[in-house]
Amino acid sequence: MYPGLASKCRLGGTIVESDEVRKMIYEALMQLCRTRTGREYLRSEKVYPVMREVHKFENNYEVPIEEHIEMLEMIVEYTMLLDEPDVD
């Protein structure tokens, strides 16, 4: 459906192995989800298919980190729902 999508989930051509770096990326995406403008931007950039692939990666990681998985699920919820109020 989205050719080459897996390669877009990588930083510099390789999967980011650092748990802390991945957590910081997810936290940055969560901050974008806090405002309507940020959510609309993520939707316009079609972040959902990428988040779906990242979610698969986190679930299949050597030791799945529940906090990462929860953050990804929240990002998907925020970006898939329409006309919701800003998160404060």
N, C-alpha and C. Protein backbone atom coordinates (compact mmCIF):
# COMPACT_ATOMS: atom_id res chain seq x y z
N MET A 1 0.81 -1.19 0.00
CA MET A 1 0.00 0.00 0.00
C MET A 1 0.86 1.26 0.00
N TYR A 2 1.87 1.30 0.85
CA TYR A 2 2.79 2.43 0.90
C TYR A 2 4.21 1.89 0.67
N PRO A 3 4.63 1.83 -0.60
CA PRO A 3 5.96 1.27 -0.88
C PRO A 3 7.06 2.06 -0.17
N GLY A 4 7.99 1.35 0.38
CA GLY A 4 9.12 1.98 1.04
C GLY A 4 8.80 2.59 2.39
N LEU A 5 7.60 2.29 2.93
CA LEU A 5 7.19 2.90 4.19
C LEU A 5 8.12 2.49 5.33
N ALA A 6 8.54 1.24 5.33
CA ALA A 6 9.42 0.79 6.41
C ALA A 6 10.69 1.61 6.47
N SER A 7 11.22 2.02 5.31
CA SER A 7 12.45 2.81 5.31
C SER A 7 12.22 4.20 5.89
N LYS A 8 10.98 4.71 5.86
CA LYS A 8 10.68 6.02 6.42
C LYS A 8 10.63 5.97 7.95
N CYS A 9 10.56 4.78 8.51
CA CYS A 9 10.51 4.62 9.97
C CYS A 9 11.90 4.51 10.54
N ARG A 10 12.89 4.82 9.76
CA ARG A 10 14.28 4.68 10.20
C ARG A 10 14.94 6.04 10.22
N LEU A 11 15.93 6.20 11.04
CA LEU A 11 16.69 7.44 11.13
C LEU A 11 18.05 7.18 10.51
N GLY A 12 18.37 7.86 9.43
CA GLY A 12 19.65 7.66 8.77
C GLY A 12 19.79 6.28 8.15
N GLY A 13 18.69 5.65 7.79
CA GLY A 13 18.73 4.35 7.13
C GLY A 13 18.78 3.16 8.06
N THR A 14 18.87 3.40 9.36
CA THR A 14 18.88 2.29 10.32
C THR A 14 17.83 2.54 11.40
N ILE A 15 17.34 1.48 11.98
CA ILE A 15 16.37 1.61 13.06
C ILE A 15 17.08 2.15 14.29
N VAL A 16 16.47 3.11 14.95
CA VAL A 16 17.05 3.70 16.15
C VAL A 16 16.94 2.67 17.27
N GLU A 17 18.08 2.23 17.78
CA GLU A 17 18.10 1.21 18.83
C GLU A 17 17.96 1.80 20.23
N SER A 18 18.27 3.07 20.37
CA SER A 18 18.25 3.70 21.69
C SER A 18 16.81 3.90 22.17
N ASP A 19 16.50 3.30 23.31
CA ASP A 19 15.17 3.47 23.90
C ASP A 19 14.89 4.93 24.22
N GLU A 20 15.90 5.64 24.70
CA GLU A 20 15.73 7.04 25.09
C GLU A 20 15.44 7.93 23.88
N VAL A 21 16.13 7.69 22.78
CA VAL A 21 15.90 8.49 21.57
C VAL A 21 14.50 8.24 21.04
N ARG A 22 14.08 6.98 20.99
CA ARG A 22 12.73 6.68 20.52
C ARG A 22 11.70 7.32 21.44
N LYS A 23 11.94 7.28 22.75
CA LYS A 23 11.01 7.89 23.71
C LYS A 23 10.92 9.40 23.47
N MET A 24 12.04 10.06 23.21
CA MET A 24 12.03 11.50 22.96
C MET A 24 11.25 11.82 21.69
N ILE A 25 11.38 10.99 20.66
CA ILE A 25 10.63 11.20 19.42
C ILE A 25 9.14 11.08 19.69
N TYR A 26 8.75 10.06 20.44
CA TYR A 26 7.33 9.86 20.76
C TYR A 26 6.80 11.01 21.61
N GLU A 27 7.62 11.51 22.55
CA GLU A 27 7.20 12.63 23.38
C GLU A 27 7.01 13.89 22.53
N ALA A 28 7.89 14.10 21.54
CA ALA A 28 7.75 15.25 20.65
C ALA A 28 6.45 15.15 19.85
N LEU A 29 6.14 13.96 19.37
CA LEU A 29 4.88 13.76 18.64
C LEU A 29 3.68 13.99 19.55
N MET A 30 3.80 13.57 20.81
CA MET A 30 2.72 13.79 21.77
C MET A 30 2.50 15.29 21.98
N GLN A 31 3.58 16.07 22.01
CA GLN A 31 3.45 17.52 22.16
C GLN A 31 2.71 18.12 20.96
N LEU A 32 2.99 17.61 19.75
CA LEU A 32 2.27 18.09 18.57
C LEU A 32 0.79 17.75 18.67
N CYS A 33 0.48 16.64 19.31
CA CYS A 33 -0.93 16.21 19.44
C CYS A 33 -1.71 17.08 20.42
N ARG A 34 -1.04 17.89 21.20
CA ARG A 34 -1.73 18.67 22.23
C ARG A 34 -2.56 19.82 21.66
N THR A 35 -2.23 20.26 20.45
CA THR A 35 -2.98 21.37 19.86
C THR A 35 -3.65 20.91 18.57
N ARG A 36 -4.72 21.56 18.23
CA ARG A 36 -5.43 21.23 16.99
C ARG A 36 -4.52 21.43 15.78
N THR A 37 -3.76 22.51 15.78
CA THR A 37 -2.85 22.78 14.67
C THR A 37 -1.83 21.65 14.51
N GLY A 38 -1.29 21.19 15.63
CA GLY A 38 -0.32 20.09 15.59
C GLY A 38 -0.94 18.81 15.07
N ARG A 39 -2.15 18.51 15.53
CA ARG A 39 -2.83 17.29 15.05
C ARG A 39 -3.14 17.38 13.57
N GLU A 40 -3.59 18.56 13.13
CA GLU A 40 -3.88 18.73 11.71
C GLU A 40 -2.62 18.58 10.87
N TYR A 41 -1.49 19.09 11.40
CA TYR A 41 -0.22 18.94 10.69
C TYR A 41 0.15 17.46 10.57
N LEU A 42 0.04 16.72 11.66
CA LEU A 42 0.36 15.30 11.62
C LEU A 42 -0.55 14.56 10.63
N ARG A 43 -1.82 14.92 10.62
CA ARG A 43 -2.74 14.30 9.65
C ARG A 43 -2.34 14.64 8.22
N SER A 44 -1.99 15.90 7.98
CA SER A 44 -1.63 16.31 6.62
C SER A 44 -0.36 15.61 6.14
N GLU A 45 0.51 15.27 7.06
CA GLU A 45 1.75 14.56 6.71
C GLU A 45 1.54 13.05 6.68
N LYS A 46 0.30 12.63 6.91
CA LYS A 46 -0.08 11.21 6.85
C LYS A 46 0.79 10.36 7.79
N VAL A 47 0.79 10.76 9.05
CA VAL A 47 1.63 10.11 10.06
C VAL A 47 1.08 8.74 10.46
N TYR A 48 -0.21 8.51 10.28
CA TYR A 48 -0.81 7.25 10.74
C TYR A 48 -0.13 6.01 10.18
N PRO A 49 0.08 5.89 8.86
CA PRO A 49 0.73 4.67 8.36
C PRO A 49 2.14 4.45 8.94
N VAL A 50 2.84 5.53 9.17
CA VAL A 50 4.18 5.42 9.76
C VAL A 50 4.07 4.96 11.21
N MET A 51 3.13 5.54 11.96
CA MET A 51 2.93 5.14 13.35
C MET A 51 2.51 3.67 13.45
N ARG A 52 1.72 3.21 12.49
CA ARG A 52 1.31 1.81 12.48
C ARG A 52 2.54 0.90 12.35
N GLU A 53 3.46 1.26 11.46
CA GLU A 53 4.68 0.46 11.29
C GLU A 53 5.59 0.56 12.51
N VAL A 54 5.68 1.73 13.10
CA VAL A 54 6.50 1.90 14.30
C VAL A 54 5.91 1.09 15.45
N HIS A 55 4.58 1.08 15.54
CA HIS A 55 3.90 0.30 16.58
C HIS A 55 4.23 -1.18 16.42
N LYS A 56 4.23 -1.68 15.18
CA LYS A 56 4.60 -3.08 14.93
C LYS A 56 6.03 -3.34 15.40
N PHE A 57 6.93 -2.38 15.09
CA PHE A 57 8.32 -2.53 15.50
C PHE A 57 8.43 -2.60 17.01
N GLU A 58 7.75 -1.69 17.71
CA GLU A 58 7.83 -1.67 19.18
C GLU A 58 7.26 -2.95 19.78
N ASN A 59 6.18 -3.46 19.21
CA ASN A 59 5.59 -4.70 19.72
C ASN A 59 6.50 -5.90 19.51
N ASN A 60 7.30 -5.87 18.45
CA ASN A 60 8.19 -6.99 18.13
C ASN A 60 9.62 -6.76 18.60
N TYR A 61 9.85 -5.67 19.32
CA TYR A 61 11.19 -5.35 19.81
C TYR A 61 11.63 -6.43 20.79
N GLU A 62 12.95 -6.55 20.98
CA GLU A 62 13.51 -7.59 21.86
C GLU A 62 12.76 -7.67 23.19
N VAL A 63 12.64 -6.53 23.84
CA VAL A 63 11.86 -6.45 25.08
C VAL A 63 10.90 -5.28 24.88
N PRO A 64 9.63 -5.55 24.53
CA PRO A 64 8.70 -4.44 24.28
C PRO A 64 8.59 -3.52 25.50
N ILE A 65 8.64 -2.24 25.24
CA ILE A 65 8.54 -1.25 26.30
C ILE A 65 7.11 -0.73 26.31
N GLU A 66 6.38 -1.07 27.35
CA GLU A 66 4.95 -0.76 27.44
C GLU A 66 4.70 0.74 27.33
N GLU A 67 5.56 1.55 27.93
CA GLU A 67 5.38 3.00 27.88
C GLU A 67 5.42 3.51 26.43
N HIS A 68 6.32 2.98 25.63
CA HIS A 68 6.42 3.37 24.22
C HIS A 68 5.15 2.98 23.47
N ILE A 69 4.69 1.78 23.71
CA ILE A 69 3.49 1.28 23.03
C ILE A 69 2.29 2.13 23.39
N GLU A 70 2.15 2.49 24.67
CA GLU A 70 1.04 3.33 25.11
C GLU A 70 1.10 4.71 24.45
N MET A 71 2.29 5.29 24.37
CA MET A 71 2.44 6.59 23.74
C MET A 71 2.05 6.54 22.27
N LEU A 72 2.48 5.50 21.57
CA LEU A 72 2.14 5.35 20.16
C LEU A 72 0.63 5.22 19.97
N GLU A 73 -0.02 4.47 20.85
CA GLU A 73 -1.47 4.31 20.75
C GLU A 73 -2.18 5.63 21.00
N MET A 74 -1.66 6.45 21.91
CA MET A 74 -2.25 7.76 22.16
C MET A 74 -2.07 8.68 20.96
N ILE A 75 -0.89 8.64 20.34
CA ILE A 75 -0.64 9.46 19.15
C ILE A 75 -1.62 9.09 18.05
N VAL A 76 -1.83 7.79 17.85
CA VAL A 76 -2.78 7.34 16.82
C VAL A 76 -4.18 7.82 17.16
N GLU A 77 -4.58 7.70 18.41
CA GLU A 77 -5.92 8.17 18.82
C GLU A 77 -6.08 9.65 18.51
N TYR A 78 -5.12 10.46 18.92
CA TYR A 78 -5.22 11.90 18.71
C TYR A 78 -5.24 12.27 17.23
N THR A 79 -4.47 11.57 16.41
CA THR A 79 -4.40 11.94 15.00
C THR A 79 -5.56 11.37 14.19
N MET A 80 -6.22 10.34 14.69
CA MET A 80 -7.32 9.75 13.94
C MET A 80 -8.67 10.37 14.28
N LEU A 81 -8.81 10.95 15.47
CA LEU A 81 -10.07 11.58 15.85
C LEU A 81 -10.14 12.97 15.23
N LEU A 82 -11.33 13.37 14.84
CA LEU A 82 -11.51 14.69 14.25
C LEU A 82 -12.32 15.58 15.18
N ASP A 83 -12.06 16.89 15.11
CA ASP A 83 -12.83 17.90 15.84
C ASP A 83 -12.86 17.70 17.35
N GLU A 84 -11.75 17.30 17.92
CA GLU A 84 -11.67 17.16 19.37
C GLU A 84 -11.08 18.44 19.94
N PRO A 85 -11.35 18.76 21.20
CA PRO A 85 -10.79 19.96 21.80
C PRO A 85 -9.30 19.81 22.06
N ASP A 86 -8.62 20.93 22.25
CA ASP A 86 -7.20 20.89 22.57
C ASP A 86 -7.00 20.20 23.91
N VAL A 87 -5.87 19.53 24.04
CA VAL A 87 -5.52 18.84 25.28
C VAL A 87 -4.76 19.80 26.16
N ASP A 88 -5.18 19.96 27.41
CA ASP A 88 -4.46 20.87 28.32
C ASP A 88 -3.84 20.14 29.47
